[in-house]
Amino acid sequence: MTTPPAQAAPGWYPDPGGSPTRRWWDGTQWTAATRPPNDPAGDAPPGPADVARTASAPPGWRSLRGLAVASAILYGITAVLAVATV
Protein backbone atom coordinates (compact mmCIF):
# COMPACT_ATOMS: atom_id res chain seq x y z
CA MET A 1 0.00 0.00 0.00
CA THR A 2 1.15 3.50 -0.63
CA THR A 3 1.11 6.24 1.96
CA PRO A 4 -0.25 9.77 1.77
CA PRO A 5 2.28 12.63 1.98
CA ALA A 6 4.45 12.43 5.12
CA GLN A 7 2.52 15.21 6.86
CA ALA A 8 -0.96 13.90 5.98
CA ALA A 9 -3.42 14.30 8.82
CA PRO A 10 -5.49 11.35 10.00
CA GLY A 11 -8.51 10.97 7.78
CA TRP A 12 -10.31 9.11 5.01
CA TYR A 13 -8.36 8.82 1.76
CA PRO A 14 -8.89 6.83 -1.46
CA ASP A 15 -7.94 3.21 -0.80
CA PRO A 16 -4.33 2.74 -1.95
CA GLY A 17 -5.17 -0.88 -2.76
CA GLY A 18 -7.24 0.31 -5.72
CA SER A 19 -10.71 -0.54 -4.43
CA PRO A 20 -13.44 2.09 -4.83
CA THR A 21 -13.63 2.57 -1.04
CA ARG A 22 -11.96 5.08 1.24
CA ARG A 23 -9.51 3.83 3.88
CA TRP A 24 -8.62 5.47 7.22
CA TRP A 25 -5.08 6.84 7.54
CA ASP A 26 -4.29 7.21 11.27
CA GLY A 27 -1.44 9.64 10.70
CA THR A 28 1.24 6.93 10.57
CA GLN A 29 -0.26 3.93 8.72
CA TRP A 30 -3.31 2.59 6.90
CA THR A 31 -5.88 0.90 9.12
CA ALA A 32 -8.36 -1.90 8.36
CA ALA A 33 -11.31 0.53 8.45
CA THR A 34 -12.95 1.30 5.10
CA ARG A 35 -16.03 3.21 3.96
CA PRO A 36 -17.88 3.64 0.68
CA PRO A 37 -16.82 6.78 -1.24
CA ASN A 38 -20.06 8.66 -0.43
CA ASP A 39 -20.68 7.39 3.11
CA PRO A 40 -23.27 9.50 4.97
CA ALA A 41 -21.03 9.37 8.08
CA GLY A 42 -18.83 11.90 6.29
CA ASP A 43 -15.33 12.44 7.62
CA ALA A 44 -15.94 11.22 11.19
CA PRO A 45 -13.25 8.87 12.53
CA PRO A 46 -13.90 5.15 12.02
CA GLY A 47 -16.16 3.25 14.37
CA PRO A 48 -16.83 -0.45 14.95
CA ALA A 49 -19.11 -0.66 11.89
CA ASP A 50 -16.28 0.49 9.61
CA VAL A 51 -13.96 -2.27 10.86
CA ALA A 52 -16.73 -4.90 10.74
CA ARG A 53 -17.55 -3.96 7.14
CA THR A 54 -13.85 -4.23 6.27
CA ALA A 55 -13.56 -7.73 7.74
CA SER A 56 -15.87 -9.11 5.06
CA ALA A 57 -14.56 -6.99 2.19
CA PRO A 58 -11.50 -8.20 0.28
CA PRO A 59 -8.54 -5.83 0.06
CA GLY A 60 -8.06 -4.17 -3.31
CA TRP A 61 -5.17 -6.34 -4.43
CA ARG A 62 -7.25 -9.48 -3.93
CA SER A 63 -9.99 -7.99 -6.10
CA LEU A 64 -7.46 -7.23 -8.82
CA ARG A 65 -6.04 -10.73 -8.61
CA GLY A 66 -9.56 -12.17 -8.91
CA LEU A 67 -10.22 -10.00 -11.94
CA ALA A 68 -7.01 -11.20 -13.59
CA VAL A 69 -7.91 -14.85 -12.95
CA ALA A 70 -11.45 -14.34 -14.25
CA SER A 71 -10.09 -12.63 -17.37
CA ALA A 72 -7.68 -15.49 -18.02
CA ILE A 73 -10.46 -18.05 -17.65
CA LEU A 74 -12.75 -16.09 -19.98
CA TYR A 75 -9.93 -15.80 -22.52
CA GLY A 76 -9.33 -19.55 -22.32
CA ILE A 77 -13.01 -20.36 -22.83
CA THR A 78 -13.17 -17.97 -25.77
CA ALA A 79 -10.09 -19.58 -27.36
CA VAL A 80 -11.55 -23.08 -26.95
CA LEU A 81 -14.86 -22.01 -28.47
CA ALA A 82 -13.10 -20.31 -31.38
CA VAL A 83 -11.12 -23.47 -32.17
CA ALA A 84 -14.21 -25.67 -31.75
CA THR A 85 -16.23 -23.63 -34.25
CA VAL A 86 -13.55 -23.67 -36.96
PDB file of N, CA and C in Angstrom:
ATOM      1  N   MET A   1       0.838  -1.184   0.000  1.00  0.00           N
ATOM      2  CA  MET A   1       0.000   0.000   0.000  1.00  0.00           C
ATOM      3  C   MET A   1       0.878   1.241   0.000  1.00  0.00           C
ATOM      4  N   THR A   2       0.416   2.249  -0.631  1.00  0.00           N
ATOM      5  CA  THR A   2       1.149   3.503  -0.629  1.00  0.00           C
ATOM      6  C   THR A   2       0.706   4.337   0.557  1.00  0.00           C
ATOM      7  N   THR A   3       1.465   5.354   0.859  1.00  0.00           N
ATOM      8  CA  THR A   3       1.108   6.236   1.963  1.00  0.00           C
ATOM      9  C   THR A   3       0.830   7.628   1.444  1.00  0.00           C
ATOM     10  N   PRO A   4      -0.045   8.373   2.161  1.00  0.00           N
ATOM     11  CA  PRO A   4      -0.248   9.768   1.773  1.00  0.00           C
ATOM     12  C   PRO A   4       1.040  10.553   2.048  1.00  0.00           C
ATOM     13  N   PRO A   5       1.085  11.836   1.693  1.00  0.00           N
ATOM     14  CA  PRO A   5       2.285  12.635   1.982  1.00  0.00           C
ATOM     15  C   PRO A   5       2.660  12.520   3.464  1.00  0.00           C
ATOM     16  N   ALA A   6       3.935  12.652   3.767  1.00  0.00           N
ATOM     17  CA  ALA A   6       4.448  12.435   5.121  1.00  0.00           C
ATOM     18  C   ALA A   6       3.681  13.215   6.187  1.00  0.00           C
ATOM     19  N   GLN A   7       3.212  14.387   5.871  1.00  0.00           N
ATOM     20  CA  GLN A   7       2.522  15.209   6.856  1.00  0.00           C
ATOM     21  C   GLN A   7       1.002  15.078   6.796  1.00  0.00           C
ATOM     22  N   ALA A   8       0.490  14.048   6.124  1.00  0.00           N
ATOM     23  CA  ALA A   8      -0.960  13.897   5.982  1.00  0.00           C
ATOM     24  C   ALA A   8      -1.611  13.679   7.340  1.00  0.00           C
ATOM     25  N   ALA A   9      -2.667  14.411   7.576  1.00  0.00           N
ATOM     26  CA  ALA A   9      -3.420  14.300   8.824  1.00  0.00           C
ATOM     27  C   ALA A   9      -4.248  13.026   8.810  1.00  0.00           C
ATOM     28  N   PRO A  10      -4.588  12.495   9.975  1.00  0.00           N
ATOM     29  CA  PRO A  10      -5.485  11.351  10.001  1.00  0.00           C
ATOM     30  C   PRO A  10      -6.777  11.693   9.265  1.00  0.00           C
ATOM     31  N   GLY A  11      -7.279  10.735   8.514  1.00  0.00           N
ATOM     32  CA  GLY A  11      -8.512  10.972   7.777  1.00  0.00           C
ATOM     33  C   GLY A  11      -8.787   9.886   6.765  1.00  0.00           C
ATOM     34  N   TRP A  12      -9.894  10.058   6.048  1.00  0.00           N
ATOM     35  CA  TRP A  12     -10.310   9.112   5.007  1.00  0.00           C
ATOM     36  C   TRP A  12      -9.686   9.515   3.687  1.00  0.00           C
ATOM     37  N   TYR A  13      -9.008   8.577   3.050  1.00  0.00           N
ATOM     38  CA  TYR A  13      -8.360   8.819   1.765  1.00  0.00           C
ATOM     39  C   TYR A  13      -8.747   7.703   0.795  1.00  0.00           C
ATOM     40  N   PRO A  14      -8.624   7.929  -0.505  1.00  0.00           N
ATOM     41  CA  PRO A  14      -8.889   6.831  -1.460  1.00  0.00           C
ATOM     42  C   PRO A  14      -8.043   5.612  -1.088  1.00  0.00           C
ATOM     43  N   ASP A  15      -8.634   4.446  -1.167  1.00  0.00           N
ATOM     44  CA  ASP A  15      -7.941   3.210  -0.797  1.00  0.00           C
ATOM     45  C   ASP A  15      -6.733   3.006  -1.701  1.00  0.00           C
ATOM     46  N   PRO A  16      -5.526   2.930  -1.134  1.00  0.00           N
ATOM     47  CA  PRO A  16      -4.329   2.742  -1.952  1.00  0.00           C
ATOM     48  C   PRO A  16      -4.273   1.368  -2.607  1.00  0.00           C
ATOM     49  N   GLY A  17      -5.133   0.446  -2.162  1.00  0.00           N
ATOM     50  CA  GLY A  17      -5.172  -0.878  -2.763  1.00  0.00           C
ATOM     51  C   GLY A  17      -5.931  -0.906  -4.072  1.00  0.00           C
ATOM     52  N   GLY A  18      -6.547   0.224  -4.445  1.00  0.00           N
ATOM     53  CA  GLY A  18      -7.238   0.307  -5.720  1.00  0.00           C
ATOM     54  C   GLY A  18      -8.731   0.048  -5.666  1.00  0.00           C
ATOM     55  N   SER A  19      -9.260  -0.316  -4.493  1.00  0.00           N
ATOM     56  CA  SER A  19     -10.710  -0.539  -4.427  1.00  0.00           C
ATOM     57  C   SER A  19     -11.429   0.811  -4.443  1.00  0.00           C
ATOM     58  N   PRO A  20     -12.714   0.821  -4.749  1.00  0.00           N
ATOM     59  CA  PRO A  20     -13.440   2.093  -4.831  1.00  0.00           C
ATOM     60  C   PRO A  20     -13.801   2.668  -3.462  1.00  0.00           C
ATOM     61  N   THR A  21     -13.315   2.080  -2.375  1.00  0.00           N
ATOM     62  CA  THR A  21     -13.633   2.573  -1.037  1.00  0.00           C
ATOM     63  C   THR A  21     -12.632   3.615  -0.585  1.00  0.00           C
ATOM     64  N   ARG A  22     -12.929   4.210   0.572  1.00  0.00           N
ATOM     65  CA  ARG A  22     -11.965   5.084   1.238  1.00  0.00           C
ATOM     66  C   ARG A  22     -11.421   4.313   2.435  1.00  0.00           C
ATOM     67  N   ARG A  23     -10.141   4.523   2.752  1.00  0.00           N
ATOM     68  CA  ARG A  23      -9.506   3.827   3.876  1.00  0.00           C
ATOM     69  C   ARG A  23      -9.001   4.875   4.863  1.00  0.00           C
ATOM     70  N   TRP A  24      -9.049   4.540   6.167  1.00  0.00           N
ATOM     71  CA  TRP A  24      -8.623   5.466   7.220  1.00  0.00           C
ATOM     72  C   TRP A  24      -7.107   5.450   7.379  1.00  0.00           C
ATOM     73  N   TRP A  25      -6.507   6.641   7.289  1.00  0.00           N
ATOM     74  CA  TRP A  25      -5.081   6.844   7.544  1.00  0.00           C
ATOM     75  C   TRP A  25      -4.999   7.429   8.945  1.00  0.00           C
ATOM     76  N   ASP A  26      -4.304   6.738   9.887  1.00  0.00           N
ATOM     77  CA  ASP A  26      -4.290   7.211  11.273  1.00  0.00           C
ATOM     78  C   ASP A  26      -3.189   8.230  11.563  1.00  0.00           C
ATOM     79  N   GLY A  27      -2.525   8.671  10.539  1.00  0.00           N
ATOM     80  CA  GLY A  27      -1.438   9.636  10.697  1.00  0.00           C
ATOM     81  C   GLY A  27      -0.072   8.987  10.557  1.00  0.00           C
ATOM     82  N   THR A  28      -0.028   7.647  10.707  1.00  0.00           N
ATOM     83  CA  THR A  28       1.242   6.933  10.565  1.00  0.00           C
ATOM     84  C   THR A  28       1.128   5.717   9.660  1.00  0.00           C
ATOM     85  N   GLN A  29      -0.086   5.125   9.547  1.00  0.00           N
ATOM     86  CA  GLN A  29      -0.265   3.934   8.718  1.00  0.00           C
ATOM     87  C   GLN A  29      -1.731   3.783   8.318  1.00  0.00           C
ATOM     88  N   TRP A  30      -1.951   2.928   7.312  1.00  0.00           N
ATOM     89  CA  TRP A  30      -3.312   2.595   6.898  1.00  0.00           C
ATOM     90  C   TRP A  30      -3.917   1.646   7.922  1.00  0.00           C
ATOM     91  N   THR A  31      -5.209   1.806   8.203  1.00  0.00           N
ATOM     92  CA  THR A  31      -5.883   0.897   9.118  1.00  0.00           C
ATOM     93  C   THR A  31      -6.778  -0.046   8.323  1.00  0.00           C
ATOM     94  N   ALA A  32      -7.450  -0.956   9.009  1.00  0.00           N
ATOM     95  CA  ALA A  32      -8.357  -1.899   8.361  1.00  0.00           C
ATOM     96  C   ALA A  32      -9.724  -1.272   8.069  1.00  0.00           C
ATOM     97  N   ALA A  33      -9.997  -0.101   8.615  1.00  0.00           N
ATOM     98  CA  ALA A  33     -11.306   0.533   8.454  1.00  0.00           C
ATOM     99  C   ALA A  33     -11.487   1.101   7.050  1.00  0.00           C
ATOM    100  N   THR A  34     -12.614   0.759   6.421  1.00  0.00           N
ATOM    101  CA  THR A  34     -12.952   1.300   5.104  1.00  0.00           C
ATOM    102  C   THR A  34     -14.381   1.801   5.111  1.00  0.00           C
ATOM    103  N   ARG A  35     -14.686   2.677   4.158  1.00  0.00           N
ATOM    104  CA  ARG A  35     -16.032   3.212   3.960  1.00  0.00           C
ATOM    105  C   ARG A  35     -16.278   3.383   2.474  1.00  0.00           C
ATOM    106  N   PRO A  36     -17.568   3.331   2.076  1.00  0.00           N
ATOM    107  CA  PRO A  36     -17.885   3.638   0.680  1.00  0.00           C
ATOM    108  C   PRO A  36     -17.487   5.087   0.377  1.00  0.00           C
ATOM    109  N   PRO A  37     -17.266   5.424  -0.885  1.00  0.00           N
ATOM    110  CA  PRO A  37     -16.824   6.783  -1.241  1.00  0.00           C
ATOM    111  C   PRO A  37     -17.779   7.881  -0.787  1.00  0.00           C
ATOM    112  N   ASN A  38     -19.078   7.633  -0.796  1.00  0.00           N
ATOM    113  CA  ASN A  38     -20.064   8.664  -0.426  1.00  0.00           C
ATOM    114  C   ASN A  38     -20.798   8.296   0.850  1.00  0.00           C
ATOM    115  N   ASP A  39     -20.076   7.818   1.851  1.00  0.00           N
ATOM    116  CA  ASP A  39     -20.684   7.393   3.107  1.00  0.00           C
ATOM    117  C   ASP A  39     -21.342   8.572   3.816  1.00  0.00           C
ATOM    118  N   PRO A  40     -22.596   8.405   4.287  1.00  0.00           N
ATOM    119  CA  PRO A  40     -23.271   9.502   4.975  1.00  0.00           C
ATOM    120  C   PRO A  40     -22.604   9.884   6.294  1.00  0.00           C
ATOM    121  N   ALA A  41     -21.727   9.036   6.833  1.00  0.00           N
ATOM    122  CA  ALA A  41     -21.026   9.373   8.075  1.00  0.00           C
ATOM    123  C   ALA A  41     -19.992  10.472   7.848  1.00  0.00           C
ATOM    124  N   GLY A  42     -19.751  10.811   6.595  1.00  0.00           N
ATOM    125  CA  GLY A  42     -18.826  11.905   6.285  1.00  0.00           C
ATOM    126  C   GLY A  42     -17.399  11.594   6.659  1.00  0.00           C
ATOM    127  N   ASP A  43     -16.741  12.574   7.296  1.00  0.00           N
ATOM    128  CA  ASP A  43     -15.329  12.437   7.619  1.00  0.00           C
ATOM    129  C   ASP A  43     -15.081  12.086   9.078  1.00  0.00           C
ATOM    130  N   ALA A  44     -16.108  11.617   9.789  1.00  0.00           N
ATOM    131  CA  ALA A  44     -15.939  11.217  11.186  1.00  0.00           C
ATOM    132  C   ALA A  44     -14.953  10.064  11.277  1.00  0.00           C
ATOM    133  N   PRO A  45     -14.188   9.986  12.370  1.00  0.00           N
ATOM    134  CA  PRO A  45     -13.250   8.868  12.532  1.00  0.00           C
ATOM    135  C   PRO A  45     -13.979   7.526  12.469  1.00  0.00           C
ATOM    136  N   PRO A  46     -13.256   6.457  12.164  1.00  0.00           N
ATOM    137  CA  PRO A  46     -13.900   5.152  12.022  1.00  0.00           C
ATOM    138  C   PRO A  46     -14.473   4.647  13.343  1.00  0.00           C
ATOM    139  N   GLY A  47     -15.541   3.896  13.215  1.00  0.00           N
ATOM    140  CA  GLY A  47     -16.161   3.254  14.366  1.00  0.00           C
ATOM    141  C   GLY A  47     -16.176   1.754  14.155  1.00  0.00           C
ATOM    142  N   PRO A  48     -16.794   1.009  15.071  1.00  0.00           N
ATOM    143  CA  PRO A  48     -16.829  -0.450  14.951  1.00  0.00           C
ATOM    144  C   PRO A  48     -17.455  -0.938  13.646  1.00  0.00           C
ATOM    145  N   ALA A  49     -18.463  -0.235  13.140  1.00  0.00           N
ATOM    146  CA  ALA A  49     -19.113  -0.663  11.892  1.00  0.00           C
ATOM    147  C   ALA A  49     -18.140  -0.599  10.717  1.00  0.00           C
ATOM    148  N   ASP A  50     -17.245   0.374  10.710  1.00  0.00           N
ATOM    149  CA  ASP A  50     -16.276   0.493   9.614  1.00  0.00           C
ATOM    150  C   ASP A  50     -15.315  -0.690   9.605  1.00  0.00           C
ATOM    151  N   VAL A  51     -14.877  -1.137  10.765  1.00  0.00           N
ATOM    152  CA  VAL A  51     -13.960  -2.265  10.855  1.00  0.00           C
ATOM    153  C   VAL A  51     -14.699  -3.558  10.547  1.00  0.00           C
ATOM    154  N   ALA A  52     -15.946  -3.688  11.022  1.00  0.00           N
ATOM    155  CA  ALA A  52     -16.729  -4.900  10.744  1.00  0.00           C
ATOM    156  C   ALA A  52     -16.984  -5.031   9.253  1.00  0.00           C
ATOM    157  N   ARG A  53     -17.303  -3.929   8.583  1.00  0.00           N
ATOM    158  CA  ARG A  53     -17.549  -3.962   7.143  1.00  0.00           C
ATOM    159  C   ARG A  53     -16.273  -4.370   6.417  1.00  0.00           C
ATOM    160  N   THR A  54     -15.130  -3.906   6.889  1.00  0.00           N
ATOM    161  CA  THR A  54     -13.854  -4.234   6.268  1.00  0.00           C
ATOM    162  C   THR A  54     -13.530  -5.713   6.394  1.00  0.00           C
ATOM    163  N   ALA A  55     -13.898  -6.330   7.519  1.00  0.00           N
ATOM    164  CA  ALA A  55     -13.562  -7.732   7.740  1.00  0.00           C
ATOM    165  C   ALA A  55     -14.135  -8.637   6.661  1.00  0.00           C
ATOM    166  N   SER A  56     -15.271  -8.263   6.086  1.00  0.00           N
ATOM    167  CA  SER A  56     -15.869  -9.110   5.059  1.00  0.00           C
ATOM    168  C   SER A  56     -15.526  -8.655   3.640  1.00  0.00           C
ATOM    169  N   ALA A  57     -14.902  -7.514   3.506  1.00  0.00           N
ATOM    170  CA  ALA A  57     -14.562  -6.990   2.185  1.00  0.00           C
ATOM    171  C   ALA A  57     -13.116  -7.343   1.844  1.00  0.00           C
ATOM    172  N   PRO A  58     -12.872  -7.862   0.641  1.00  0.00           N
ATOM    173  CA  PRO A  58     -11.501  -8.198   0.277  1.00  0.00           C
ATOM    174  C   PRO A  58     -10.668  -6.945   0.021  1.00  0.00           C
ATOM    175  N   PRO A  59      -9.397  -6.957   0.390  1.00  0.00           N
ATOM    176  CA  PRO A  59      -8.537  -5.827   0.060  1.00  0.00           C
ATOM    177  C   PRO A  59      -8.449  -5.650  -1.454  1.00  0.00           C
ATOM    178  N   GLY A  60      -8.101  -4.474  -1.888  1.00  0.00           N
ATOM    179  CA  GLY A  60      -8.063  -4.166  -3.308  1.00  0.00           C
ATOM    180  C   GLY A  60      -7.200  -5.091  -4.137  1.00  0.00           C
ATOM    181  N   TRP A  61      -6.050  -5.487  -3.630  1.00  0.00           N
ATOM    182  CA  TRP A  61      -5.170  -6.340  -4.429  1.00  0.00           C
ATOM    183  C   TRP A  61      -5.793  -7.700  -4.664  1.00  0.00           C
ATOM    184  N   ARG A  62      -6.596  -8.192  -3.719  1.00  0.00           N
ATOM    185  CA  ARG A  62      -7.252  -9.477  -3.933  1.00  0.00           C
ATOM    186  C   ARG A  62      -8.304  -9.347  -5.025  1.00  0.00           C
ATOM    187  N   SER A  63      -8.992  -8.219  -5.049  1.00  0.00           N
ATOM    188  CA  SER A  63      -9.991  -7.988  -6.095  1.00  0.00           C
ATOM    189  C   SER A  63      -9.330  -7.951  -7.464  1.00  0.00           C
ATOM    190  N   LEU A  64      -8.180  -7.303  -7.548  1.00  0.00           N
ATOM    191  CA  LEU A  64      -7.465  -7.225  -8.821  1.00  0.00           C
ATOM    192  C   LEU A  64      -6.967  -8.599  -9.251  1.00  0.00           C
ATOM    193  N   ARG A  65      -6.497  -9.378  -8.296  1.00  0.00           N
ATOM    194  CA  ARG A  65      -6.038 -10.732  -8.610  1.00  0.00           C
ATOM    195  C   ARG A  65      -7.204 -11.571  -9.111  1.00  0.00           C
ATOM    196  N   GLY A  66      -8.368 -11.452  -8.473  1.00  0.00           N
ATOM    197  CA  GLY A  66      -9.562 -12.173  -8.906  1.00  0.00           C
ATOM    198  C   GLY A  66      -9.975 -11.773 -10.309  1.00  0.00           C
ATOM    199  N   LEU A  67      -9.878 -10.483 -10.610  1.00  0.00           N
ATOM    200  CA  LEU A  67     -10.222  -9.996 -11.944  1.00  0.00           C
ATOM    201  C   LEU A  67      -9.264 -10.574 -12.989  1.00  0.00           C
ATOM    202  N   ALA A  68      -7.991 -10.641 -12.652  1.00  0.00           N
ATOM    203  CA  ALA A  68      -7.008 -11.199 -13.588  1.00  0.00           C
ATOM    204  C   ALA A  68      -7.284 -12.677 -13.844  1.00  0.00           C
ATOM    205  N   VAL A  69      -7.610 -13.425 -12.791  1.00  0.00           N
ATOM    206  CA  VAL A  69      -7.906 -14.848 -12.954  1.00  0.00           C
ATOM    207  C   VAL A  69      -9.165 -15.032 -13.790  1.00  0.00           C
ATOM    208  N   ALA A  70     -10.201 -14.246 -13.486  1.00  0.00           N
ATOM    209  CA  ALA A  70     -11.451 -14.344 -14.248  1.00  0.00           C
ATOM    210  C   ALA A  70     -11.216 -14.001 -15.719  1.00  0.00           C
ATOM    211  N   SER A  71     -10.393 -13.005 -15.981  1.00  0.00           N
ATOM    212  CA  SER A  71     -10.093 -12.629 -17.367  1.00  0.00           C
ATOM    213  C   SER A  71      -9.363 -13.751 -18.088  1.00  0.00           C
ATOM    214  N   ALA A  72      -8.419 -14.385 -17.402  1.00  0.00           N
ATOM    215  CA  ALA A  72      -7.679 -15.486 -18.020  1.00  0.00           C
ATOM    216  C   ALA A  72      -8.599 -16.668 -18.327  1.00  0.00           C
ATOM    217  N   ILE A  73      -9.508 -16.956 -17.420  1.00  0.00           N
ATOM    218  CA  ILE A  73     -10.461 -18.047 -17.649  1.00  0.00           C
ATOM    219  C   ILE A  73     -11.368 -17.722 -18.830  1.00  0.00           C
ATOM    220  N   LEU A  74     -11.881 -16.505 -18.875  1.00  0.00           N
ATOM    221  CA  LEU A  74     -12.747 -16.089 -19.980  1.00  0.00           C
ATOM    222  C   LEU A  74     -11.993 -16.152 -21.312  1.00  0.00           C
ATOM    223  N   TYR A  75     -10.741 -15.733 -21.314  1.00  0.00           N
ATOM    224  CA  TYR A  75      -9.928 -15.798 -22.524  1.00  0.00           C
ATOM    225  C   TYR A  75      -9.756 -17.252 -22.968  1.00  0.00           C
ATOM    226  N   GLY A  76      -9.490 -18.136 -21.998  1.00  0.00           N
ATOM    227  CA  GLY A  76      -9.326 -19.551 -22.320  1.00  0.00           C
ATOM    228  C   GLY A  76     -10.588 -20.158 -22.901  1.00  0.00           C
ATOM    229  N   ILE A  77     -11.731 -19.842 -22.313  1.00  0.00           N
ATOM    230  CA  ILE A  77     -13.009 -20.356 -22.831  1.00  0.00           C
ATOM    231  C   ILE A  77     -13.264 -19.848 -24.239  1.00  0.00           C
ATOM    232  N   THR A  78     -12.981 -18.566 -24.464  1.00  0.00           N
ATOM    233  CA  THR A  78     -13.173 -17.969 -25.773  1.00  0.00           C
ATOM    234  C   THR A  78     -12.277 -18.647 -26.803  1.00  0.00           C
ATOM    235  N   ALA A  79     -11.027 -18.922 -26.436  1.00  0.00           N
ATOM    236  CA  ALA A  79     -10.095 -19.581 -27.360  1.00  0.00           C
ATOM    237  C   ALA A  79     -10.575 -20.996 -27.702  1.00  0.00           C
ATOM    238  N   VAL A  80     -11.057 -21.717 -26.706  1.00  0.00           N
ATOM    239  CA  VAL A  80     -11.546 -23.080 -26.950  1.00  0.00           C
ATOM    240  C   VAL A  80     -12.761 -23.042 -27.884  1.00  0.00           C
ATOM    241  N   LEU A  81     -13.676 -22.120 -27.631  1.00  0.00           N
ATOM    242  CA  LEU A  81     -14.864 -22.007 -28.465  1.00  0.00           C
ATOM    243  C   LEU A  81     -14.502 -21.601 -29.893  1.00  0.00           C
ATOM    244  N   ALA A  82     -13.523 -20.739 -30.049  1.00  0.00           N
ATOM    245  CA  ALA A  82     -13.096 -20.310 -31.385  1.00  0.00           C
ATOM    246  C   ALA A  82     -12.512 -21.479 -32.157  1.00  0.00           C
ATOM    247  N   VAL A  83     -11.713 -22.314 -31.514  1.00  0.00           N
ATOM    248  CA  VAL A  83     -11.125 -23.473 -32.172  1.00  0.00           C
ATOM    249  C   VAL A  83     -12.199 -24.504 -32.471  1.00  0.00           C
ATOM    250  N   ALA A  84     -13.163 -24.678 -31.576  1.00  0.00           N
ATOM    251  CA  ALA A  84     -14.205 -25.669 -31.749  1.00  0.00           C
ATOM    252  C   ALA A  84     -15.161 -25.314 -32.912  1.00  0.00           C
ATOM    253  N   THR A  85     -15.314 -24.036 -33.198  1.00  0.00           N
ATOM    254  CA  THR A  85     -16.234 -23.630 -34.250  1.00  0.00           C
ATOM    255  C   THR A  85     -15.566 -23.569 -35.616  1.00  0.00           C
ATOM    256  N   VAL A  86     -14.271 -23.751 -35.672  1.00  0.00           N
ATOM    257  CA  VAL A  86     -13.546 -23.671 -36.957  1.00  0.00           C
ATOM    258  C   VAL A  86     -13.665 -24.974 -37.693  1.00  0.00           C
TER     259      VAL A  86
END
